[in-house]
Amino acid sequence: FLYIILFSISLSFLLMMLCEIFKKFTQQIILSVLLFLLGLYFCSQILYYDYFKVFLTIYSIGNGTQVAEFYKDIIDLIIRHIPWIFLCFLPLLIYIFFLRKRIYWLLSYPGGNRRFGRCKLHPLRIYTL
């Protein structure tokens, strides 16, 4: 459990440093793409492990063209794991929701809310200036 937390923190810092290099709009696009790719990776890992009882490897990804042979089983597997797939993409959905809400809020109140200040959304934290 400790390794999971440590690797998650290090990956978060790596992604944060990657996003901080660019301007705000580019940061939002990069973070959305990264969250989508991570969700896709975790979904494929869950489905692959449930079907083959082995973790997904790079070698297995290279032989992904053979998946078409048993597509009916994979469709059934996806349907059975819809809640887990939803959870894998939940960070992306939350980010898009807050990003959309932030854009609407900034367009509605150009000076920001006087009571709470201007809210700045960051990929890893939300804070008030």
Protein backbone atom coordinates (compact mmCIF):
# COMPACT_ATOMS: atom_id res chain seq x y z
CA PHE A 1 0.00 0.00 0.00
CA LEU A 2 2.87 2.36 0.80
CA TYR A 3 4.42 1.76 -2.63
CA ILE A 4 1.16 2.68 -4.33
CA ILE A 5 1.02 5.98 -2.47
CA LEU A 6 4.68 6.80 -3.14
CA PHE A 7 4.47 6.00 -6.85
CA SER A 8 1.20 7.94 -7.16
CA ILE A 9 2.77 11.00 -5.55
CA SER A 10 5.85 10.80 -7.76
CA LEU A 11 3.72 10.37 -10.89
CA SER A 12 1.56 13.33 -9.84
CA PHE A 13 4.62 15.54 -9.43
CA LEU A 14 5.98 14.40 -12.78
CA LEU A 15 2.71 15.22 -14.52
CA MET A 16 2.49 18.54 -12.68
CA MET A 17 6.00 19.51 -13.82
CA LEU A 18 5.12 18.48 -17.38
CA CYS A 19 2.00 20.64 -17.34
CA GLU A 20 3.70 23.66 -15.73
CA ILE A 21 6.02 24.09 -18.72
CA PHE A 22 3.19 25.28 -20.96
CA LYS A 23 0.60 28.06 -20.92
CA LYS A 24 -2.79 27.61 -19.23
CA PHE A 25 -4.77 26.51 -22.29
CA THR A 26 -2.10 24.02 -23.30
CA GLN A 27 -1.91 22.76 -19.69
CA GLN A 28 -5.62 22.02 -19.74
CA ILE A 29 -5.38 20.10 -23.00
CA ILE A 30 -2.30 18.13 -21.89
CA LEU A 31 -3.88 17.27 -18.56
CA SER A 32 -7.12 16.15 -20.24
CA VAL A 33 -5.19 13.92 -22.65
CA LEU A 34 -3.05 12.48 -19.84
CA LEU A 35 -6.09 11.75 -17.68
CA PHE A 36 -7.75 10.04 -20.65
CA LEU A 37 -4.67 7.94 -21.41
CA LEU A 38 -4.23 6.93 -17.77
CA GLY A 39 -7.91 6.00 -17.53
CA LEU A 40 -7.61 3.97 -20.72
CA TYR A 41 -4.50 2.22 -19.41
CA PHE A 42 -6.13 1.32 -16.09
CA CYS A 43 -9.28 0.09 -17.84
CA SER A 44 -7.28 -2.12 -20.16
CA GLN A 45 -5.29 -3.41 -17.18
CA ILE A 46 -8.48 -4.31 -15.30
CA LEU A 47 -10.06 -6.03 -18.30
CA TYR A 48 -6.90 -7.87 -19.30
CA TYR A 49 -6.27 -9.13 -15.77
CA ASP A 50 -9.85 -10.31 -15.36
CA TYR A 51 -9.78 -12.19 -18.65
CA PHE A 52 -6.28 -13.70 -18.63
CA LYS A 53 -5.42 -13.58 -14.87
CA VAL A 54 -2.08 -11.99 -15.81
CA PHE A 55 -1.01 -8.34 -15.81
CA LEU A 56 -0.86 -6.47 -19.11
CA THR A 57 2.68 -6.18 -20.49
CA ILE A 58 4.25 -4.36 -23.39
CA TYR A 59 4.57 -7.67 -25.23
CA SER A 60 0.82 -8.23 -24.84
CA ILE A 61 0.07 -4.75 -26.14
CA GLY A 62 2.19 -5.49 -29.22
CA ASN A 63 0.06 -8.56 -29.94
CA GLY A 64 -3.18 -6.62 -29.60
CA THR A 65 -4.22 -7.35 -33.18
CA GLN A 66 -5.23 -10.86 -32.13
CA VAL A 67 -8.02 -9.39 -29.98
CA ALA A 68 -10.42 -9.50 -32.93
CA GLU A 69 -10.60 -13.27 -32.64
CA PHE A 70 -12.57 -13.14 -29.38
CA TYR A 71 -14.30 -9.77 -29.58
CA LYS A 72 -17.61 -11.15 -28.23
CA ASP A 73 -15.93 -12.18 -24.99
CA ILE A 74 -14.33 -8.76 -24.69
CA ILE A 75 -17.64 -6.96 -25.24
CA ASP A 76 -19.20 -9.11 -22.52
CA LEU A 77 -16.25 -8.33 -20.25
CA ILE A 78 -16.62 -4.59 -20.85
CA ILE A 79 -20.35 -4.73 -20.06
CA ARG A 80 -19.67 -6.59 -16.81
CA HIS A 81 -17.06 -4.01 -15.77
CA ILE A 82 -18.90 -0.78 -16.59
CA PRO A 83 -18.72 0.50 -12.95
CA TRP A 84 -14.94 -0.02 -12.86
CA ILE A 85 -14.51 1.63 -16.24
CA PHE A 86 -16.54 4.59 -15.00
CA LEU A 87 -14.29 4.85 -11.93
CA CYS A 88 -11.19 4.83 -14.12
CA PHE A 89 -12.48 7.81 -16.10
CA LEU A 90 -13.97 9.62 -13.08
CA PRO A 91 -10.92 11.92 -12.60
CA LEU A 92 -11.24 13.05 -16.22
CA LEU A 93 -14.97 13.67 -15.85
CA ILE A 94 -14.45 15.64 -12.64
CA TYR A 95 -11.69 17.68 -14.25
CA ILE A 96 -13.85 18.48 -17.28
CA PHE A 97 -16.77 19.43 -15.01
CA PHE A 98 -14.63 21.81 -12.93
CA LEU A 99 -12.90 23.18 -16.01
CA ARG A 100 -16.23 23.90 -17.66
CA LYS A 101 -17.56 25.44 -14.46
CA ARG A 102 -14.42 27.56 -14.11
CA ILE A 103 -14.65 28.84 -17.68
CA TYR A 104 -18.32 29.73 -17.17
CA TRP A 105 -17.51 31.40 -13.84
CA LEU A 106 -14.68 33.47 -15.33
CA LEU A 107 -16.87 34.56 -18.23
CA SER A 108 -19.75 35.48 -15.91
CA TYR A 109 -17.63 37.32 -13.33
CA PRO A 110 -14.62 38.90 -15.04
CA GLY A 111 -13.22 40.33 -11.79
CA GLY A 112 -13.83 37.19 -9.80
CA ASN A 113 -16.04 36.81 -6.76
CA ARG A 114 -15.22 39.61 -4.29
CA ARG A 115 -16.09 37.51 -1.28
CA PHE A 116 -13.88 34.52 -2.09
CA GLY A 117 -11.33 36.02 -4.48
CA ARG A 118 -10.48 34.55 -7.82
CA CYS A 119 -10.51 30.77 -7.80
CA LYS A 120 -7.62 29.20 -9.66
CA LEU A 121 -7.85 25.58 -10.70
CA HIS A 122 -4.62 23.69 -10.92
CA PRO A 123 -4.27 20.09 -12.13
CA LEU A 124 -3.45 18.83 -8.64
CA ARG A 125 -4.88 21.41 -6.27
CA ILE A 126 -7.60 24.04 -5.93
CA TYR A 127 -6.76 27.16 -4.02
CA THR A 128 -7.90 30.75 -3.68
CA LEU A 129 -5.61 33.66 -4.47
